[in-house]
Amino acid sequence: NLSMMYNEVPFLERFAAAANDGFKAVEYLFPY
């Protein structure tokens, strides 16, 4: 969940951070 996890980096950088940790899927509150 990229709204709560990886808040160490800006939102658009959280996708790569999650993938680097082995996640294959993401969710979050809002993309707008």
All heavy atoms as atom14 arrays in JSON, in Angstrom:
{
  "sequence": "NLSMMYNEVPFLERFAAAANDGFKAVEYLFPY",
  "atom14_mask": [
    [1, 1, 1, 1, 1, 1, 1, 1, 0, 0, 0, 0, 0, 0],
    [1, 1, 1, 1, 1, 1, 1, 1, 0, 0, 0, 0, 0, 0],
    [1, 1, 1, 1, 1, 1, 0, 0, 0, 0, 0, 0, 0, 0],
    [1, 1, 1, 1, 1, 1, 1, 1, 0, 0, 0, 0, 0, 0],
    [1, 1, 1, 1, 1, 1, 1, 1, 0, 0, 0, 0, 0, 0],
    [1, 1, 1, 1, 1, 1, 1, 1, 1, 1, 1, 1, 0, 0],
    [1, 1, 1, 1, 1, 1, 1, 1, 0, 0, 0, 0, 0, 0],
    [1, 1, 1, 1, 1, 1, 1, 1, 1, 0, 0, 0, 0, 0],
    [1, 1, 1, 1, 1, 1, 1, 0, 0, 0, 0, 0, 0, 0],
    [1, 1, 1, 1, 1, 1, 1, 0, 0, 0, 0, 0, 0, 0],
    [1, 1, 1, 1, 1, 1, 1, 1, 1, 1, 1, 0, 0, 0],
    [1, 1, 1, 1, 1, 1, 1, 1, 0, 0, 0, 0, 0, 0],
    [1, 1, 1, 1, 1, 1, 1, 1, 1, 0, 0, 0, 0, 0],
    [1, 1, 1, 1, 1, 1, 1, 1, 1, 1, 1, 0, 0, 0],
    [1, 1, 1, 1, 1, 1, 1, 1, 1, 1, 1, 0, 0, 0],
    [1, 1, 1, 1, 1, 0, 0, 0, 0, 0, 0, 0, 0, 0],
    [1, 1, 1, 1, 1, 0, 0, 0, 0, 0, 0, 0, 0, 0],
    [1, 1, 1, 1, 1, 0, 0, 0, 0, 0, 0, 0, 0, 0],
    [1, 1, 1, 1, 1, 0, 0, 0, 0, 0, 0, 0, 0, 0],
    [1, 1, 1, 1, 1, 1, 1, 1, 0, 0, 0, 0, 0, 0],
    [1, 1, 1, 1, 1, 1, 1, 1, 0, 0, 0, 0, 0, 0],
    [1, 1, 1, 1, 0, 0, 0, 0, 0, 0, 0, 0, 0, 0],
    [1, 1, 1, 1, 1, 1, 1, 1, 1, 1, 1, 0, 0, 0],
    [1, 1, 1, 1, 1, 1, 1, 1, 1, 0, 0, 0, 0, 0],
    [1, 1, 1, 1, 1, 0, 0, 0, 0, 0, 0, 0, 0, 0],
    [1, 1, 1, 1, 1, 1, 1, 0, 0, 0, 0, 0, 0, 0],
    [1, 1, 1, 1, 1, 1, 1, 1, 1, 0, 0, 0, 0, 0],
    [1, 1, 1, 1, 1, 1, 1, 1, 1, 1, 1, 1, 0, 0],
    [1, 1, 1, 1, 1, 1, 1, 1, 0, 0, 0, 0, 0, 0],
    [1, 1, 1, 1, 1, 1, 1, 1, 1, 1, 1, 0, 0, 0],
    [1, 1, 1, 1, 1, 1, 1, 0, 0, 0, 0, 0, 0, 0],
    [1, 1, 1, 1, 1, 1, 1, 1, 1, 1, 1, 1, 0, 0]
  ],
  "atom14_positions": [
    [[0.85, -1.18, 0.0], [0.0, 0.0, 0.0], [0.9, 1.24, 0.0], [1.53, 1.56, 1.0], [-0.93, 0.0, 1.22], [-1.94, 1.13, 1.15], [-1.57, 2.3, 1.19], [-3.21, 0.79, 1.02], [0.0, 0.0, 0.0], [0.0, 0.0, 0.0], [0.0, 0.0, 0.0], [0.0, 0.0, 0.0], [0.0, 0.0, 0.0], [0.0, 0.0, 0.0]],
    [[0.93, 1.92, -1.13], [1.89, 3.01, -1.3], [1.47, 4.31, -0.67], [2.22, 5.28, -0.68], [2.17, 3.22, -2.79], [2.73, 2.0, -3.54], [3.08, 2.38, -4.97], [3.94, 1.41, -2.82], [0.0, 0.0, 0.0], [0.0, 0.0, 0.0], [0.0, 0.0, 0.0], [0.0, 0.0, 0.0], [0.0, 0.0, 0.0], [0.0, 0.0, 0.0]],
    [[0.27, 4.35, -0.08], [-0.11, 5.52, 0.7], [0.48, 5.47, 2.1], [0.75, 6.51, 2.7], [-1.64, 5.64, 0.79], [-2.2, 5.88, -0.47], [0.0, 0.0, 0.0], [0.0, 0.0, 0.0], [0.0, 0.0, 0.0], [0.0, 0.0, 0.0], [0.0, 0.0, 0.0], [0.0, 0.0, 0.0], [0.0, 0.0, 0.0], [0.0, 0.0, 0.0]],
    [[0.69, 4.26, 2.61], [1.21, 4.1, 3.96], [2.66, 3.64, 3.99], [3.41, 4.01, 4.9], [0.32, 3.13, 4.74], [-1.06, 3.67, 5.03], [-1.88, 2.72, 6.32], [-3.35, 3.7, 6.56], [0.0, 0.0, 0.0], [0.0, 0.0, 0.0], [0.0, 0.0, 0.0], [0.0, 0.0, 0.0], [0.0, 0.0, 0.0], [0.0, 0.0, 0.0]],
    [[3.06, 2.83, 3.03], [4.41, 2.29, 3.0], [5.3, 3.16, 2.12], [4.83, 3.89, 1.25], [4.39, 0.86, 2.47], [3.5, -0.09, 3.28], [3.28, -1.7, 2.51], [4.89, -2.45, 2.8], [0.0, 0.0, 0.0], [0.0, 0.0, 0.0], [0.0, 0.0, 0.0], [0.0, 0.0, 0.0], [0.0, 0.0, 0.0], [0.0, 0.0, 0.0]],
    [[6.59, 3.08, 2.36], [7.61, 3.77, 1.56], [7.44, 5.29, 1.58], [7.76, 5.98, 0.61], [7.63, 3.24, 0.12], [7.93, 1.76, 0.06], [6.9, 0.84, -0.17], [9.22, 1.27, 0.28], [7.15, -0.52, -0.19], [9.48, -0.09, 0.25], [8.44, -0.98, 0.03], [8.7, -2.33, 0.01], [0.0, 0.0, 0.0], [0.0, 0.0, 0.0]],
    [[6.97, 5.81, 2.7], [6.84, 7.26, 2.82], [8.2, 7.96, 2.94], [8.26, 9.19, 3.02], [5.97, 7.61, 4.02], [4.49, 7.56, 3.68], [3.76, 8.53, 3.9], [4.01, 6.45, 3.14], [0.0, 0.0, 0.0], [0.0, 0.0, 0.0], [0.0, 0.0, 0.0], [0.0, 0.0, 0.0], [0.0, 0.0, 0.0], [0.0, 0.0, 0.0]],
    [[9.27, 7.18, 2.92], [10.61, 7.76, 2.91], [10.9, 8.49, 1.6], [11.84, 9.31, 1.53], [11.67, 6.67, 3.13], [11.5, 5.85, 4.4], [10.67, 4.59, 4.2], [9.81, 4.55, 3.28], [10.86, 3.64, 4.98], [0.0, 0.0, 0.0], [0.0, 0.0, 0.0], [0.0, 0.0, 0.0], [0.0, 0.0, 0.0], [0.0, 0.0, 0.0]],
    [[10.15, 8.16, 0.55], [10.4, 8.74, -0.76], [9.09, 9.3, -1.32], [8.0, 8.92, -0.88], [11.0, 7.7, -1.74], [12.36, 7.24, -1.24], [10.06, 6.52, -1.92], [0.0, 0.0, 0.0], [0.0, 0.0, 0.0], [0.0, 0.0, 0.0], [0.0, 0.0, 0.0], [0.0, 0.0, 0.0], [0.0, 0.0, 0.0], [0.0, 0.0, 0.0]],
    [[9.15, 10.2, -2.31], [7.93, 10.74, -2.93], [7.09, 9.63, -3.57], [7.61, 8.56, -3.91], [8.46, 11.71, -3.99], [9.83, 12.08, -3.52], [10.37, 10.85, -2.83], [0.0, 0.0, 0.0], [0.0, 0.0, 0.0], [0.0, 0.0, 0.0], [0.0, 0.0, 0.0], [0.0, 0.0, 0.0], [0.0, 0.0, 0.0], [0.0, 0.0, 0.0]],
    [[5.82, 9.9, -3.77], [4.87, 8.87, -4.19], [5.32, 8.12, -5.44], [5.32, 6.89, -5.46], [3.5, 9.5, -4.44], [2.47, 8.51, -4.91], [1.92, 7.58, -4.03], [2.05, 8.51, -6.23], [0.97, 6.66, -4.47], [1.09, 7.6, -6.67], [0.56, 6.67, -5.79], [0.0, 0.0, 0.0], [0.0, 0.0, 0.0], [0.0, 0.0, 0.0]],
    [[5.71, 8.82, -6.48], [6.05, 8.13, -7.73], [7.32, 7.28, -7.62], [7.54, 6.39, -8.45], [6.19, 9.14, -8.87], [4.88, 9.81, -9.32], [5.16, 10.83, -10.42], [3.85, 8.78, -9.78], [0.0, 0.0, 0.0], [0.0, 0.0, 0.0], [0.0, 0.0, 0.0], [0.0, 0.0, 0.0], [0.0, 0.0, 0.0], [0.0, 0.0, 0.0]],
    [[8.13, 7.52, -6.61], [9.32, 6.69, -6.39], [9.01, 5.43, -5.57], [9.86, 4.54, -5.47], [10.41, 7.51, -5.7], [10.92, 8.68, -6.53], [11.97, 9.51, -5.81], [12.62, 8.96, -4.89], [12.13, 10.69, -6.15], [0.0, 0.0, 0.0], [0.0, 0.0, 0.0], [0.0, 0.0, 0.0], [0.0, 0.0, 0.0], [0.0, 0.0, 0.0]],
    [[7.82, 5.37, -5.01], [7.47, 4.24, -4.16], [7.24, 2.96, -4.96], [7.38, 1.85, -4.44], [6.24, 4.58, -3.31], [6.5, 5.7, -2.33], [5.24, 6.15, -1.61], [5.47, 7.46, -0.97], [4.54, 8.19, -0.39], [3.28, 7.76, -0.36], [4.84, 9.35, 0.15], [0.0, 0.0, 0.0], [0.0, 0.0, 0.0], [0.0, 0.0, 0.0]],
    [[6.88, 3.1, -6.23], [6.66, 1.93, -7.07], [7.95, 1.13, -7.21], [7.97, -0.1, -7.03], [6.13, 2.36, -8.44], [4.76, 2.98, -8.4], [4.6, 4.32, -8.06], [3.63, 2.23, -8.7], [3.33, 4.9, -8.02], [2.36, 2.79, -8.66], [2.21, 4.13, -8.32], [0.0, 0.0, 0.0], [0.0, 0.0, 0.0], [0.0, 0.0, 0.0]],
    [[9.03, 1.82, -7.54], [10.33, 1.14, -7.67], [10.79, 0.57, -6.34], [11.35, -0.54, -6.28], [11.36, 2.11, -8.22], [0.0, 0.0, 0.0], [0.0, 0.0, 0.0], [0.0, 0.0, 0.0], [0.0, 0.0, 0.0], [0.0, 0.0, 0.0], [0.0, 0.0, 0.0], [0.0, 0.0, 0.0], [0.0, 0.0, 0.0], [0.0, 0.0, 0.0]],
    [[10.55, 1.3, -5.26], [10.96, 0.81, -3.93], [10.24, -0.48, -3.59], [10.84, -1.43, -3.07], [10.68, 1.88, -2.88], [0.0, 0.0, 0.0], [0.0, 0.0, 0.0], [0.0, 0.0, 0.0], [0.0, 0.0, 0.0], [0.0, 0.0, 0.0], [0.0, 0.0, 0.0], [0.0, 0.0, 0.0], [0.0, 0.0, 0.0], [0.0, 0.0, 0.0]],
    [[8.94, -0.54, -3.89], [8.17, -1.76, -3.61], [8.65, -2.91, -4.48], [8.81, -4.05, -4.01], [6.68, -1.5, -3.85], [0.0, 0.0, 0.0], [0.0, 0.0, 0.0], [0.0, 0.0, 0.0], [0.0, 0.0, 0.0], [0.0, 0.0, 0.0], [0.0, 0.0, 0.0], [0.0, 0.0, 0.0], [0.0, 0.0, 0.0], [0.0, 0.0, 0.0]],
    [[8.89, -2.64, -5.76], [9.38, -3.69, -6.65], [10.74, -4.21, -6.2], [11.0, -5.42, -6.25], [9.45, -3.16, -8.08], [0.0, 0.0, 0.0], [0.0, 0.0, 0.0], [0.0, 0.0, 0.0], [0.0, 0.0, 0.0], [0.0, 0.0, 0.0], [0.0, 0.0, 0.0], [0.0, 0.0, 0.0], [0.0, 0.0, 0.0], [0.0, 0.0, 0.0]],
    [[11.6, -3.31, -5.74], [12.93, -3.73, -5.28], [12.84, -4.65, -4.07], [13.74, -5.47, -3.83], [13.77, -2.5, -4.94], [14.24, -1.75, -6.17], [14.29, -2.31, -7.26], [14.58, -0.48, -6.0], [0.0, 0.0, 0.0], [0.0, 0.0, 0.0], [0.0, 0.0, 0.0], [0.0, 0.0, 0.0], [0.0, 0.0, 0.0], [0.0, 0.0, 0.0]],
    [[11.77, -4.53, -3.29], [11.59, -5.4, -2.13], [10.82, -6.67, -2.48], [10.49, -7.46, -1.58], [10.84, -4.64, -1.02], [11.78, -3.75, -0.21], [12.99, -4.05, -0.16], [11.29, -2.76, 0.37], [0.0, 0.0, 0.0], [0.0, 0.0, 0.0], [0.0, 0.0, 0.0], [0.0, 0.0, 0.0], [0.0, 0.0, 0.0], [0.0, 0.0, 0.0]],
    [[10.51, -6.87, -3.74], [9.89, -8.12, -4.16], [8.39, -8.07, -4.35], [7.78, -9.08, -4.72], [0.0, 0.0, 0.0], [0.0, 0.0, 0.0], [0.0, 0.0, 0.0], [0.0, 0.0, 0.0], [0.0, 0.0, 0.0], [0.0, 0.0, 0.0], [0.0, 0.0, 0.0], [0.0, 0.0, 0.0], [0.0, 0.0, 0.0], [0.0, 0.0, 0.0]],
    [[7.76, -6.94, -4.11], [6.32, -6.84, -4.34], [6.03, -6.9, -5.84], [6.75, -6.32, -6.66], [5.77, -5.53, -3.76], [5.62, -5.54, -2.27], [6.56, -4.89, -1.47], [4.56, -6.19, -1.66], [6.43, -4.88, -0.08], [4.43, -6.19, -0.28], [5.36, -5.54, 0.52], [0.0, 0.0, 0.0], [0.0, 0.0, 0.0], [0.0, 0.0, 0.0]],
    [[4.94, -7.57, -6.17], [4.49, -7.67, -7.56], [3.23, -6.87, -7.82], [2.77, -6.79, -8.96], [4.24, -9.14, -7.92], [5.45, -10.05, -7.74], [6.61, -9.62, -8.63], [7.8, -10.58, -8.49], [8.98, -10.1, -9.26], [0.0, 0.0, 0.0], [0.0, 0.0, 0.0], [0.0, 0.0, 0.0], [0.0, 0.0, 0.0], [0.0, 0.0, 0.0]],
    [[2.65, -6.31, -6.77], [1.39, -5.57, -6.91], [1.34, -4.44, -5.89], [2.0, -4.5, -4.85], [0.2, -6.5, -6.71], [0.0, 0.0, 0.0], [0.0, 0.0, 0.0], [0.0, 0.0, 0.0], [0.0, 0.0, 0.0], [0.0, 0.0, 0.0], [0.0, 0.0, 0.0], [0.0, 0.0, 0.0], [0.0, 0.0, 0.0], [0.0, 0.0, 0.0]],
    [[0.54, -3.42, -6.21], [0.41, -2.27, -5.33], [-1.05, -1.81, -5.27], [-1.86, -2.11, -6.14], [1.29, -1.08, -5.79], [2.76, -1.43, -5.71], [0.91, -0.62, -7.2], [0.0, 0.0, 0.0], [0.0, 0.0, 0.0], [0.0, 0.0, 0.0], [0.0, 0.0, 0.0], [0.0, 0.0, 0.0], [0.0, 0.0, 0.0], [0.0, 0.0, 0.0]],
    [[-1.33, -1.09, -4.2], [-2.59, -0.38, -4.03], [-2.25, 0.94, -3.34], [-1.13, 1.14, -2.89], [-3.57, -1.2, -3.17], [-3.05, -1.46, -1.76], [-4.05, -2.18, -0.87], [-4.84, -2.98, -1.38], [-4.01, -1.93, 0.36], [0.0, 0.0, 0.0], [0.0, 0.0, 0.0], [0.0, 0.0, 0.0], [0.0, 0.0, 0.0], [0.0, 0.0, 0.0]],
    [[-3.21, 1.83, -3.26], [-3.03, 3.1, -2.54], [-4.39, 3.75, -2.44], [-5.38, 3.27, -3.01], [-2.02, 4.02, -3.24], [-2.1, 4.01, -4.74], [-3.13, 4.66, -5.41], [-1.17, 3.31, -5.5], [-3.23, 4.63, -6.78], [-1.26, 3.26, -6.88], [-2.29, 3.93, -7.52], [-2.39, 3.88, -8.89], [0.0, 0.0, 0.0], [0.0, 0.0, 0.0]],
    [[-4.46, 4.88, -1.74], [-5.74, 5.54, -1.57], [-6.22, 6.2, -2.86], [-7.29, 5.88, -3.37], [-5.65, 6.58, -0.44], [-5.44, 6.04, 0.97], [-5.34, 7.19, 1.97], [-6.56, 5.09, 1.37], [0.0, 0.0, 0.0], [0.0, 0.0, 0.0], [0.0, 0.0, 0.0], [0.0, 0.0, 0.0], [0.0, 0.0, 0.0], [0.0, 0.0, 0.0]],
    [[-5.43, 7.12, -3.4], [-5.89, 7.93, -4.54], [-4.75, 8.2, -5.51], [-3.64, 8.51, -5.09], [-6.44, 9.28, -4.05], [-7.37, 9.17, -2.87], [-6.96, 9.61, -1.61], [-8.63, 8.62, -3.0], [-7.8, 9.51, -0.52], [-9.47, 8.51, -1.92], [-9.07, 8.95, -0.67], [0.0, 0.0, 0.0], [0.0, 0.0, 0.0], [0.0, 0.0, 0.0]],
    [[-5.03, 8.14, -6.81], [-4.01, 8.48, -7.81], [-4.18, 9.86, -8.42], [-3.4, 10.25, -9.29], [-4.26, 7.42, -8.9], [-5.76, 7.24, -8.88], [-6.18, 7.45, -7.42], [0.0, 0.0, 0.0], [0.0, 0.0, 0.0], [0.0, 0.0, 0.0], [0.0, 0.0, 0.0], [0.0, 0.0, 0.0], [0.0, 0.0, 0.0], [0.0, 0.0, 0.0]],
    [[-5.16, 10.63, -7.99], [-5.64, 11.77, -8.77], [-4.74, 12.99, -8.78], [-4.97, 13.93, -9.54], [-7.06, 12.15, -8.31], [-7.97, 10.95, -8.25], [-8.45, 10.48, -7.02], [-8.32, 10.26, -9.4], [-9.26, 9.35, -6.95], [-9.12, 9.14, -9.35], [-9.6, 8.68, -8.11], [-10.39, 7.56, -8.06], [0.0, 0.0, 0.0], [0.0, 0.0, 0.0]]
  ]
}
